[in-house]
């Protein structure tokens, strides 16, 4: 019966082997590695959030530029109509041609 009691005590105090100074010092590099992994994990999360914010900001700017492009394009198409051009050049004293343009030929040849 004595050996059984001794084995029970050994099992009972086995966890103390893990808590002595030498075993803790032995595990320090592993804990440092875990801490480094945690820092990298946190950094990666922040970096991903920052990237998502930049993507959202850029897509919002892109939409605004697309709207601006479409409105400017429509304005240019409207102003380039013949009737609008006639109205735009009236203050300059220019008039629309009513006769066909003349073709000039070089007679020196």
PDB file of N, CA and C in Angstrom:
ATOM      1  N   UNK A   1       0.812  -1.196   0.000  1.00  0.00           N
ATOM      2  CA  UNK A   1       0.000   0.000   0.000  1.00  0.00           C
ATOM      3  C   UNK A   1       0.861   1.267   0.000  1.00  0.00           C
ATOM      4  N   UNK A   2       1.999   1.203   0.497  1.00  0.00           N
ATOM      5  CA  UNK A   2       2.869   2.375   0.544  1.00  0.00           C
ATOM      6  C   UNK A   2       3.185   2.924  -0.845  1.00  0.00           C
ATOM      7  N   UNK A   3       3.545   2.064  -1.820  1.00  0.00           N
ATOM      8  CA  UNK A   3       3.871   2.609  -3.148  1.00  0.00           C
ATOM      9  C   UNK A   3       2.671   3.305  -3.796  1.00  0.00           C
ATOM     10  N   UNK A   4       1.468   2.820  -3.537  1.00  0.00           N
ATOM     11  CA  UNK A   4       0.288   3.441  -4.140  1.00  0.00           C
ATOM     12  C   UNK A   4       0.077   4.852  -3.594  1.00  0.00           C
ATOM     13  N   UNK A   5       0.304   5.029  -2.332  1.00  0.00           N
ATOM     14  CA  UNK A   5       0.157   6.356  -1.730  1.00  0.00           C
ATOM     15  C   UNK A   5       1.201   7.297  -2.306  1.00  0.00           C
ATOM     16  N   UNK A   6       2.401   6.782  -2.490  1.00  0.00           N
ATOM     17  CA  UNK A   6       3.469   7.596  -3.036  1.00  0.00           C
ATOM     18  C   UNK A   6       3.138   8.018  -4.477  1.00  0.00           C
ATOM     19  N   UNK A   7       2.589   7.085  -5.268  1.00  0.00           N
ATOM     20  CA  UNK A   7       2.213   7.408  -6.643  1.00  0.00           C
ATOM     21  C   UNK A   7       1.103   8.454  -6.653  1.00  0.00           C
ATOM     22  N   UNK A   8       0.164   8.338  -5.765  1.00  0.00           N
ATOM     23  CA  UNK A   8      -0.923   9.315  -5.670  1.00  0.00           C
ATOM     24  C   UNK A   8      -0.385  10.689  -5.347  1.00  0.00           C
ATOM     25  N   UNK A   9       0.592  10.755  -4.428  1.00  0.00           N
ATOM     26  CA  UNK A   9       1.191  12.042  -4.080  1.00  0.00           C
ATOM     27  C   UNK A   9       1.967  12.619  -5.259  1.00  0.00           C
ATOM     28  N   UNK A  10       2.650  11.730  -5.998  1.00  0.00           N
ATOM     29  CA  UNK A  10       3.401  12.197  -7.168  1.00  0.00           C
ATOM     30  C   UNK A  10       2.459  12.784  -8.209  1.00  0.00           C
ATOM     31  N   UNK A  11       1.335  12.112  -8.421  1.00  0.00           N
ATOM     32  CA  UNK A  11       0.364  12.628  -9.384  1.00  0.00           C
ATOM     33  C   UNK A  11      -0.221  13.949  -8.886  1.00  0.00           C
ATOM     34  N   UNK A  12      -0.430  14.009  -7.583  1.00  0.00           N
ATOM     35  CA  UNK A  12      -1.022  15.197  -6.991  1.00  0.00           C
ATOM     36  C   UNK A  12      -0.100  16.411  -7.150  1.00  0.00           C
ATOM     37  N   UNK A  13       1.196  16.205  -7.025  1.00  0.00           N
ATOM     38  CA  UNK A  13       2.151  17.312  -7.057  1.00  0.00           C
ATOM     39  C   UNK A  13       2.907  17.405  -8.377  1.00  0.00           C
ATOM     40  N   UNK A  14       2.450  16.702  -9.390  1.00  0.00           N
ATOM     41  CA  UNK A  14       3.121  16.735 -10.689  1.00  0.00           C
ATOM     42  C   UNK A  14       3.037  18.142 -11.304  1.00  0.00           C
ATOM     43  N   UNK A  15       1.957  18.826 -11.085  1.00  0.00           N
ATOM     44  CA  UNK A  15       1.792  20.165 -11.650  1.00  0.00           C
ATOM     45  C   UNK A  15       2.813  21.147 -11.091  1.00  0.00           C
ATOM     46  N   UNK A  16       3.369  20.837  -9.905  1.00  0.00           N
ATOM     47  CA  UNK A  16       4.380  21.712  -9.312  1.00  0.00           C
ATOM     48  C   UNK A  16       5.668  21.705 -10.124  1.00  0.00           C
ATOM     49  N   UNK A  17       5.904  20.626 -10.878  1.00  0.00           N
ATOM     50  CA  UNK A  17       7.100  20.583 -11.718  1.00  0.00           C
ATOM     51  C   UNK A  17       7.042  21.688 -12.777  1.00  0.00           C
ATOM     52  N   UNK A  18       5.851  21.994 -13.232  1.00  0.00           N
ATOM     53  CA  UNK A  18       5.699  23.005 -14.276  1.00  0.00           C
ATOM     54  C   UNK A  18       5.842  24.423 -13.724  1.00  0.00           C
ATOM     55  N   UNK A  19       5.702  24.584 -12.428  1.00  0.00           N
ATOM     56  CA  UNK A  19       5.733  25.919 -11.849  1.00  0.00           C
ATOM     57  C   UNK A  19       7.049  26.270 -11.169  1.00  0.00           C
ATOM     58  N   UNK A  20       8.050  25.428 -11.278  1.00  0.00           N
ATOM     59  CA  UNK A  20       9.318  25.805 -10.661  1.00  0.00           C
ATOM     60  C   UNK A  20      10.062  26.794 -11.562  1.00  0.00           C
ATOM     61  N   UNK A  21      11.040  27.456 -11.025  1.00  0.00           N
ATOM     62  CA  UNK A  21      11.736  28.554 -11.702  1.00  0.00           C
ATOM     63  C   UNK A  21      12.399  28.114 -13.004  1.00  0.00           C
ATOM     64  N   UNK A  22      13.056  26.987 -12.992  1.00  0.00           N
ATOM     65  CA  UNK A  22      13.791  26.530 -14.176  1.00  0.00           C
ATOM     66  C   UNK A  22      12.855  26.241 -15.350  1.00  0.00           C
ATOM     67  N   UNK A  23      11.751  25.618 -15.073  1.00  0.00           N
ATOM     68  CA  UNK A  23      10.841  25.305 -16.181  1.00  0.00           C
ATOM     69  C   UNK A  23      10.183  26.574 -16.736  1.00  0.00           C
ATOM     70  N   UNK A  24       9.945  27.552 -15.870  1.00  0.00           N
ATOM     71  CA  UNK A  24       9.378  28.819 -16.344  1.00  0.00           C
ATOM     72  C   UNK A  24      10.394  29.549 -17.215  1.00  0.00           C
ATOM     73  N   UNK A  25      11.639  29.596 -16.777  1.00  0.00           N
ATOM     74  CA  UNK A  25      12.696  30.238 -17.559  1.00  0.00           C
ATOM     75  C   UNK A  25      12.869  29.516 -18.892  1.00  0.00           C
ATOM     76  N   UNK A  26      12.715  28.234 -18.875  1.00  0.00           N
ATOM     77  CA  UNK A  26      12.838  27.430 -20.092  1.00  0.00           C
ATOM     78  C   UNK A  26      11.728  27.772 -21.095  1.00  0.00           C
ATOM     79  N   UNK A  27      10.565  28.181 -20.602  1.00  0.00           N
ATOM     80  CA  UNK A  27       9.417  28.476 -21.466  1.00  0.00           C
ATOM     81  C   UNK A  27       9.352  29.944 -21.917  1.00  0.00           C
ATOM     82  N   UNK A  28      10.245  30.803 -21.427  1.00  0.00           N
ATOM     83  CA  UNK A  28      10.212  32.228 -21.765  1.00  0.00           C
ATOM     84  C   UNK A  28      10.278  32.471 -23.277  1.00  0.00           C
ATOM     85  N   UNK A  29      11.164  31.822 -24.029  1.00  0.00           N
ATOM     86  CA  UNK A  29      11.171  32.070 -25.482  1.00  0.00           C
ATOM     87  C   UNK A  29       9.823  31.753 -26.140  1.00  0.00           C
ATOM     88  N   UNK A  30       9.157  30.728 -25.679  1.00  0.00           N
ATOM     89  CA  UNK A  30       7.851  30.383 -26.236  1.00  0.00           C
ATOM     90  C   UNK A  30       6.826  31.470 -25.920  1.00  0.00           C
ATOM     91  N   UNK A  31       6.856  32.001 -24.689  1.00  0.00           N
ATOM     92  CA  UNK A  31       5.942  33.079 -24.318  1.00  0.00           C
ATOM     93  C   UNK A  31       6.235  34.350 -25.120  1.00  0.00           C
ATOM     94  N   UNK A  32       7.510  34.626 -25.363  1.00  0.00           N
ATOM     95  CA  UNK A  32       7.882  35.782 -26.185  1.00  0.00           C
ATOM     96  C   UNK A  32       7.362  35.587 -27.609  1.00  0.00           C
ATOM     97  N   UNK A  33       7.494  34.376 -28.119  1.00  0.00           N
ATOM     98  CA  UNK A  33       6.982  34.062 -29.450  1.00  0.00           C
ATOM     99  C   UNK A  33       5.468  34.261 -29.506  1.00  0.00           C
ATOM    100  N   UNK A  34       4.762  33.798 -28.480  1.00  0.00           N
ATOM    101  CA  UNK A  34       3.310  33.988 -28.436  1.00  0.00           C
ATOM    102  C   UNK A  34       2.947  35.473 -28.375  1.00  0.00           C
ATOM    103  N   UNK A  35       3.714  36.243 -27.594  1.00  0.00           N
ATOM    104  CA  UNK A  35       3.457  37.682 -27.502  1.00  0.00           C
ATOM    105  C   UNK A  35       3.699  38.350 -28.854  1.00  0.00           C
ATOM    106  N   UNK A  36       4.749  37.934 -29.540  1.00  0.00           N
ATOM    107  CA  UNK A  36       5.036  38.477 -30.866  1.00  0.00           C
ATOM    108  C   UNK A  36       3.911  38.138 -31.848  1.00  0.00           C
ATOM    109  N   UNK A  37       3.425  36.918 -31.790  1.00  0.00           N
ATOM    110  CA  UNK A  37       2.303  36.531 -32.649  1.00  0.00           C
ATOM    111  C   UNK A  37       1.065  37.372 -32.344  1.00  0.00           C
ATOM    112  N   UNK A  38       0.822  37.638 -31.072  1.00  0.00           N
ATOM    113  CA  UNK A  38      -0.333  38.456 -30.692  1.00  0.00           C
ATOM    114  C   UNK A  38      -0.192  39.875 -31.243  1.00  0.00           C
ATOM    115  N   UNK A  39       1.010  40.439 -31.160  1.00  0.00           N
ATOM    116  CA  UNK A  39       1.246  41.789 -31.681  1.00  0.00           C
ATOM    117  C   UNK A  39       1.046  41.813 -33.197  1.00  0.00           C
ATOM    118  N   UNK A  40       1.572  40.812 -33.887  1.00  0.00           N
ATOM    119  CA  UNK A  40       1.402  40.737 -35.344  1.00  0.00           C
ATOM    120  C   UNK A  40      -0.073  40.584 -35.696  1.00  0.00           C
ATOM    121  N   UNK A  41      -0.798  39.797 -34.939  1.00  0.00           N
ATOM    122  CA  UNK A  41      -2.230  39.590 -35.183  1.00  0.00           C
ATOM    123  C   UNK A  41      -3.005  40.899 -35.016  1.00  0.00           C
ATOM    124  N   UNK A  42      -2.699  41.639 -33.964  1.00  0.00           N
ATOM    125  CA  UNK A  42      -3.367  42.922 -33.718  1.00  0.00           C
ATOM    126  C   UNK A  42      -3.015  43.920 -34.819  1.00  0.00           C
ATOM    127  N   UNK A  43      -1.723  43.973 -35.191  1.00  0.00           N
ATOM    128  CA  UNK A  43      -1.292  44.877 -36.258  1.00  0.00           C
ATOM    129  C   UNK A  43      -2.009  44.543 -37.561  1.00  0.00           C
ATOM    130  N   UNK A  44      -2.123  43.274 -37.868  1.00  0.00           N
ATOM    131  CA  UNK A  44      -2.783  42.853 -39.101  1.00  0.00           C
ATOM    132  C   UNK A  44      -4.248  43.293 -39.108  1.00  0.00           C
ATOM    133  N   UNK A  45      -4.918  43.188 -37.981  1.00  0.00           N
ATOM    134  CA  UNK A  45      -6.305  43.638 -37.887  1.00  0.00           C
ATOM    135  C   UNK A  45      -6.435  45.129 -38.129  1.00  0.00           C
ATOM    136  N   UNK A  46      -5.540  45.923 -37.509  1.00  0.00           N
ATOM    137  CA  UNK A  46      -5.570  47.372 -37.699  1.00  0.00           C
ATOM    138  C   UNK A  46      -5.247  47.740 -39.149  1.00  0.00           C
ATOM    139  N   UNK A  47      -4.277  47.053 -39.724  1.00  0.00           N
ATOM    140  CA  UNK A  47      -3.892  47.320 -41.110  1.00  0.00           C
ATOM    141  C   UNK A  47      -5.047  47.009 -42.060  1.00  0.00           C
ATOM    142  N   UNK A  48      -5.741  45.908 -41.804  1.00  0.00           N
ATOM    143  CA  UNK A  48      -6.889  45.541 -42.644  1.00  0.00           C
ATOM    144  C   UNK A  48      -7.997  46.589 -42.523  1.00  0.00           C
ATOM    145  N   UNK A  49      -8.272  47.059 -41.309  1.00  0.00           N
ATOM    146  CA  UNK A  49      -9.294  48.098 -41.116  1.00  0.00           C
ATOM    147  C   UNK A  49      -8.919  49.382 -41.852  1.00  0.00           C
ATOM    148  N   UNK A  50      -7.641  49.760 -41.750  1.00  0.00           N
ATOM    149  CA  UNK A  50      -7.165  50.967 -42.425  1.00  0.00           C
ATOM    150  C   UNK A  50      -7.305  50.821 -43.939  1.00  0.00           C
ATOM    151  N   UNK A  51      -6.952  49.657 -44.455  1.00  0.00           N
ATOM    152  CA  UNK A  51      -7.055  49.416 -45.893  1.00  0.00           C
ATOM    153  C   UNK A  51      -8.507  49.465 -46.351  1.00  0.00           C
ATOM    154  N   UNK A  52      -9.403  48.900 -45.574  1.00  0.00           N
ATOM    155  CA  UNK A  52     -10.829  48.925 -45.922  1.00  0.00           C
ATOM    156  C   UNK A  52     -11.351  50.361 -45.925  1.00  0.00           C
ATOM    157  N   UNK A  53     -10.932  51.167 -44.942  1.00  0.00           N
ATOM    158  CA  UNK A  53     -11.351  52.573 -44.913  1.00  0.00           C
ATOM    159  C   UNK A  53     -10.844  53.320 -46.148  1.00  0.00           C
ATOM    160  N   UNK A  54      -9.588  53.061 -46.532  1.00  0.00           N
ATOM    161  CA  UNK A  54      -9.034  53.714 -47.719  1.00  0.00           C
ATOM    162  C   UNK A  54      -9.775  53.281 -48.984  1.00  0.00           C
ATOM    163  N   UNK A  55     -10.114  52.006 -49.081  1.00  0.00           N
ATOM    164  CA  UNK A  55     -10.853  51.509 -50.242  1.00  0.00           C
ATOM    165  C   UNK A  55     -12.225  52.172 -50.309  1.00  0.00           C
ATOM    166  N   UNK A  56     -12.903  52.278 -49.180  1.00  0.00           N
ATOM    167  CA  UNK A  56     -14.223  52.928 -49.157  1.00  0.00           C
ATOM    168  C   UNK A  56     -14.122  54.399 -49.546  1.00  0.00           C
ATOM    169  N   UNK A  57     -13.094  55.072 -49.032  1.00  0.00           N
ATOM    170  CA  UNK A  57     -12.898  56.484 -49.354  1.00  0.00           C
ATOM    171  C   UNK A  57     -12.623  56.650 -50.847  1.00  0.00           C
ATOM    172  N   UNK A  58     -11.782  55.793 -51.396  1.00  0.00           N
ATOM    173  CA  UNK A  58     -11.445  55.875 -52.814  1.00  0.00           C
ATOM    174  C   UNK A  58     -12.649  55.563 -53.693  1.00  0.00           C
ATOM    175  N   UNK A  59     -13.446  54.583 -53.299  1.00  0.00           N
ATOM    176  CA  UNK A  59     -14.632  54.258 -54.105  1.00  0.00           C
ATOM    177  C   UNK A  59     -15.651  55.398 -54.054  1.00  0.00           C
ATOM    178  N   UNK A  60     -15.758  56.072 -52.908  1.00  0.00           N
ATOM    179  CA  UNK A  60     -16.662  57.227 -52.808  1.00  0.00           C
ATOM    180  C   UNK A  60     -16.176  58.356 -53.721  1.00  0.00           C
ATOM    181  N   UNK A  61     -14.855  58.606 -53.723  1.00  0.00           N
ATOM    182  CA  UNK A  61     -14.297  59.628 -54.605  1.00  0.00           C
ATOM    183  C   UNK A  61     -14.519  59.255 -56.068  1.00  0.00           C
ATOM    184  N   UNK A  62     -14.368  57.979 -56.387  1.00  0.00           N
ATOM    185  CA  UNK A  62     -14.576  57.514 -57.756  1.00  0.00           C
ATOM    186  C   UNK A  62     -16.013  57.754 -58.203  1.00  0.00           C
ATOM    187  N   UNK A  63     -16.972  57.460 -57.331  1.00  0.00           N
ATOM    188  CA  UNK A  63     -18.378  57.705 -57.669  1.00  0.00           C
ATOM    189  C   UNK A  63     -18.632  59.189 -57.914  1.00  0.00           C
ATOM    190  N   UNK A  64     -18.065  60.044 -57.054  1.00  0.00           N
ATOM    191  CA  UNK A  64     -18.240  61.483 -57.235  1.00  0.00           C
ATOM    192  C   UNK A  64     -17.646  61.938 -58.563  1.00  0.00           C
ATOM    193  N   UNK A  65     -16.463  61.415 -58.905  1.00  0.00           N
ATOM    194  CA  UNK A  65     -15.835  61.792 -60.168  1.00  0.00           C
ATOM    195  C   UNK A  65     -16.629  61.273 -61.365  1.00  0.00           C
ATOM    196  N   UNK A  66     -17.226  60.102 -61.228  1.00  0.00           N
ATOM    197  CA  UNK A  66     -18.058  59.577 -62.316  1.00  0.00           C
ATOM    198  C   UNK A  66     -19.283  60.466 -62.525  1.00  0.00           C
ATOM    199  N   UNK A  67     -19.914  60.893 -61.430  1.00  0.00           N
ATOM    200  CA  UNK A  67     -21.065  61.795 -61.547  1.00  0.00           C
ATOM    201  C   UNK A  67     -20.645  63.114 -62.204  1.00  0.00           C
ATOM    202  N   UNK A  68     -19.508  63.634 -61.772  1.00  0.00           N
ATOM    203  CA  UNK A  68     -19.021  64.891 -62.341  1.00  0.00           C
ATOM    204  C   UNK A  68     -18.714  64.717 -63.829  1.00  0.00           C
ATOM    205  N   UNK A  69     -18.089  63.615 -64.194  1.00  0.00           N
ATOM    206  CA  UNK A  69     -17.772  63.337 -65.597  1.00  0.00           C
ATOM    207  C   UNK A  69     -19.045  63.278 -66.435  1.00  0.00           C
ATOM    208  N   UNK A  70     -20.048  62.582 -65.932  1.00  0.00           N
ATOM    209  CA  UNK A  70     -21.294  62.453 -66.688  1.00  0.00           C
ATOM    210  C   UNK A  70     -21.983  63.803 -66.859  1.00  0.00           C
ATOM    211  N   UNK A  71     -21.983  64.633 -65.820  1.00  0.00           N
ATOM    212  CA  UNK A  71     -22.644  65.936 -65.930  1.00  0.00           C
ATOM    213  C   UNK A  71     -21.870  66.854 -66.874  1.00  0.00           C
ATOM    214  N   UNK A  72     -20.538  66.841 -66.801  1.00  0.00           N
ATOM    215  CA  UNK A  72     -19.736  67.677 -67.696  1.00  0.00           C
ATOM    216  C   UNK A  72     -19.881  67.195 -69.136  1.00  0.00           C
ATOM    217  N   UNK A  73     -19.888  65.891 -69.333  1.00  0.00           N
ATOM    218  CA  UNK A  73     -20.047  65.334 -70.677  1.00  0.00           C
ATOM    219  C   UNK A  73     -21.397  65.742 -71.268  1.00  0.00           C
ATOM    220  N   UNK A  74     -22.450  65.649 -70.478  1.00  0.00           N
ATOM    221  CA  UNK A  74     -23.768  66.069 -70.940  1.00  0.00           C
ATOM    222  C   UNK A  74     -23.802  67.544 -71.277  1.00  0.00           C
ATOM    223  N   UNK A  75     -23.138  68.354 -70.444  1.00  0.00           N
ATOM    224  CA  UNK A  75     -23.086  69.793 -70.687  1.00  0.00           C
ATOM    225  C   UNK A  75     -22.340  70.098 -71.985  1.00  0.00           C
ATOM    226  N   UNK A  76     -21.230  69.417 -72.210  1.00  0.00           N
ATOM    227  CA  UNK A  76     -20.454  69.620 -73.439  1.00  0.00           C
ATOM    228  C   UNK A  76     -21.267  69.197 -74.656  1.00  0.00           C
ATOM    229  N   UNK A  77     -21.939  68.063 -74.568  1.00  0.00           N
ATOM    230  CA  UNK A  77     -22.764  67.612 -75.689  1.00  0.00           C
ATOM    231  C   UNK A  77     -23.891  68.605 -75.973  1.00  0.00           C
ATOM    232  N   UNK A  78     -24.478  69.160 -74.926  1.00  0.00           N
ATOM    233  CA  UNK A  78     -25.552  70.135 -75.104  1.00  0.00           C
ATOM    234  C   UNK A  78     -25.025  71.408 -75.758  1.00  0.00           C
ATOM    235  N   UNK A  79     -23.878  71.889 -75.285  1.00  0.00           N
ATOM    236  CA  UNK A  79     -23.319  73.142 -75.811  1.00  0.00           C
ATOM    237  C   UNK A  79     -22.737  72.981 -77.213  1.00  0.00           C
ATOM    238  N   UNK A  80     -22.438  71.767 -77.622  1.00  0.00           N
ATOM    239  CA  UNK A  80     -21.854  71.576 -78.949  1.00  0.00           C
ATOM    240  C   UNK A  80     -22.911  71.388 -80.031  1.00  0.00           C
ATOM    241  N   UNK A  81     -24.176  71.461 -79.675  1.00  0.00           N
ATOM    242  CA  UNK A  81     -25.240  71.423 -80.684  1.00  0.00           C
ATOM    243  C   UNK A  81     -25.135  72.675 -81.553  1.00  0.00           C
ATOM    244  N   UNK A  82     -25.552  72.540 -82.798  1.00  0.00           N
ATOM    245  CA  UNK A  82     -25.443  73.665 -83.725  1.00  0.00           C
ATOM    246  C   UNK A  82     -26.240  74.867 -83.240  1.00  0.00           C
ATOM    247  N   UNK A  83     -27.431  74.645 -82.747  1.00  0.00           N
ATOM    248  CA  UNK A  83     -28.264  75.765 -82.290  1.00  0.00           C
ATOM    249  C   UNK A  83     -27.634  76.474 -81.093  1.00  0.00           C
ATOM    250  N   UNK A  84     -27.014  75.724 -80.220  1.00  0.00           N
ATOM    251  CA  UNK A  84     -26.365  76.335 -79.053  1.00  0.00           C
ATOM    252  C   UNK A  84     -25.100  77.083 -79.466  1.00  0.00           C
ATOM    253  N   UNK A  85     -24.373  76.551 -80.446  1.00  0.00           N
ATOM    254  CA  UNK A  85     -23.173  77.240 -80.925  1.00  0.00           C
ATOM    255  C   UNK A  85     -23.535  78.578 -81.563  1.00  0.00           C
ATOM    256  N   UNK A  86     -24.624  78.602 -82.312  1.00  0.00           N
ATOM    257  CA  UNK A  86     -25.061  79.851 -82.945  1.00  0.00           C
ATOM    258  C   UNK A  86     -25.349  80.901 -81.876  1.00  0.00           C
ATOM    259  N   UNK A  87     -26.032  80.510 -80.830  1.00  0.00           N
ATOM    260  CA  UNK A  87     -26.347  81.444 -79.743  1.00  0.00           C
ATOM    261  C   UNK A  87     -25.085  81.888 -79.010  1.00  0.00           C
ATOM    262  N   UNK A  88     -24.097  81.000 -78.898  1.00  0.00           N
ATOM    263  CA  UNK A  88     -22.880  81.327 -78.159  1.00  0.00           C
ATOM    264  C   UNK A  88     -21.999  82.309 -78.921  1.00  0.00           C
ATOM    265  N   UNK A  89     -21.994  82.250 -80.256  1.00  0.00           N
ATOM    266  CA  UNK A  89     -21.108  83.127 -81.030  1.00  0.00           C
ATOM    267  C   UNK A  89     -21.798  84.410 -81.508  1.00  0.00           C
ATOM    268  N   UNK A  90     -23.069  84.574 -81.263  1.00  0.00           N
ATOM    269  CA  UNK A  90     -23.793  85.796 -81.654  1.00  0.00           C
ATOM    270  C   UNK A  90     -23.163  87.053 -81.048  1.00  0.00           C
ATOM    271  N   UNK A  91     -22.802  87.042 -79.753  1.00  0.00           N
ATOM    272  CA  UNK A  91     -22.192  88.255 -79.188  1.00  0.00           C
ATOM    273  C   UNK A  91     -20.860  88.618 -79.838  1.00  0.00           C
ATOM    274  N   UNK A  92     -20.193  87.662 -80.468  1.00  0.00           N
ATOM    275  CA  UNK A  92     -18.917  87.944 -81.121  1.00  0.00           C
ATOM    276  C   UNK A  92     -19.108  88.498 -82.532  1.00  0.00           C
ATOM    277  N   UNK A  93     -20.327  88.528 -82.996  1.00  0.00           N
ATOM    278  CA  UNK A  93     -20.617  89.063 -84.322  1.00  0.00           C
ATOM    279  C   UNK A  93     -20.507  88.026 -85.425  1.00  0.00           C
ATOM    280  N   UNK A  94     -20.364  86.774 -85.077  1.00  0.00           N
ATOM    281  CA  UNK A  94     -20.272  85.717 -86.077  1.00  0.00           C
ATOM    282  C   UNK A  94     -21.668  85.248 -86.436  1.00  0.00           C
ATOM    283  N   UNK A  95     -21.829  84.896 -87.715  1.00  0.00           N
ATOM    284  CA  UNK A  95     -23.139  84.441 -88.176  1.00  0.00           C
ATOM    285  C   UNK A  95     -22.996  83.082 -88.835  1.00  0.00           C
ATOM    286  N   UNK A  96     -24.109  82.384 -88.929  1.00  0.00           N
ATOM    287  CA  UNK A  96     -24.120  81.072 -89.571  1.00  0.00           C
ATOM    288  C   UNK A  96     -24.055  81.263 -91.080  1.00  0.00           C
ATOM    289  N   UNK A  97     -23.316  80.373 -91.737  1.00  0.00           N
ATOM    290  CA  UNK A  97     -23.230  80.439 -93.193  1.00  0.00           C
ATOM    291  C   UNK A  97     -24.561  80.036 -93.811  1.00  0.00           C
ATOM    292  N   UNK A  98     -24.982  80.790 -94.808  1.00  0.00           N
ATOM    293  CA  UNK A  98     -26.216  80.430 -95.513  1.00  0.00           C
ATOM    294  C   UNK A  98     -25.913  79.899 -96.904  1.00  0.00           C
ATOM    295  N   UNK A  99     -24.687  80.133 -97.378  1.00  0.00           N
ATOM    296  CA  UNK A  99     -24.271  79.620 -98.693  1.00  0.00           C
ATOM    297  C   UNK A  99     -23.214  78.555 -98.483  1.00  0.00           C
ATOM    298  N   UNK A 100     -23.006  77.758 -99.523  1.00  0.00           N
ATOM    299  CA  UNK A 100     -21.990  76.716 -99.414  1.00  0.00           C
ATOM    300  C   UNK A 100     -20.604  77.345 -99.373  1.00  0.00           C
ATOM    301  N   UNK A 101     -19.677  76.703 -98.692  1.00  0.00           N
ATOM    302  CA  UNK A 101     -18.321  77.243 -98.680  1.00  0.00           C
ATOM    303  C   UNK A 101     -17.675  77.094-100.063  1.00  0.00           C
ATOM    304  N   UNK A 102     -16.819  78.032-100.387  1.00  0.00           N
ATOM    305  CA  UNK A 102     -16.139  77.998-101.684  1.00  0.00           C
ATOM    306  C   UNK A 102     -14.852  77.206-101.557  1.00  0.00           C
ATOM    307  N   UNK A 103     -14.533  76.448-102.608  1.00  0.00           N
ATOM    308  CA  UNK A 103     -13.300  75.675-102.631  1.00  0.00           C
ATOM    309  C   UNK A 103     -12.253  76.503-103.361  1.00  0.00           C
ATOM    310  N   UNK A 104     -11.136  76.716-102.731  1.00  0.00           N
ATOM    311  CA  UNK A 104     -10.053  77.486-103.331  1.00  0.00           C
ATOM    312  C   UNK A 104      -9.074  76.525-103.983  1.00  0.00           C
ATOM    313  N   UNK A 105      -8.720  76.821-105.218  1.00  0.00           N
ATOM    314  CA  UNK A 105      -7.781  75.974-105.958  1.00  0.00           C
ATOM    315  C   UNK A 105      -6.560  76.822-106.277  1.00  0.00           C
ATOM    316  N   UNK A 106      -5.406  76.244-106.100  1.00  0.00           N
ATOM    317  CA  UNK A 106      -4.152  76.932-106.403  1.00  0.00           C
ATOM    318  C   UNK A 106      -3.936  76.877-107.914  1.00  0.00           C
ATOM    319  N   UNK A 107      -3.905  78.024-108.571  1.00  0.00           N
ATOM    320  CA  UNK A 107      -3.787  78.065-110.032  1.00  0.00           C
ATOM    321  C   UNK A 107      -2.347  78.161-110.506  1.00  0.00           C
ATOM    322  N   UNK A 108      -1.415  78.212-109.612  1.00  0.00           N
ATOM    323  CA  UNK A 108      -0.016  78.347-110.019  1.00  0.00           C
ATOM    324  C   UNK A 108       0.565  77.045-110.559  1.00  0.00           C
ATOM    325  N   UNK A 109      -0.071  75.939-110.396  1.00  0.00           N
ATOM    326  CA  UNK A 109       0.452  74.658-110.894  1.00  0.00           C
ATOM    327  C   UNK A 109       0.213  74.484-112.326  1.00  0.00           C
TER     328      UNK A 109
END
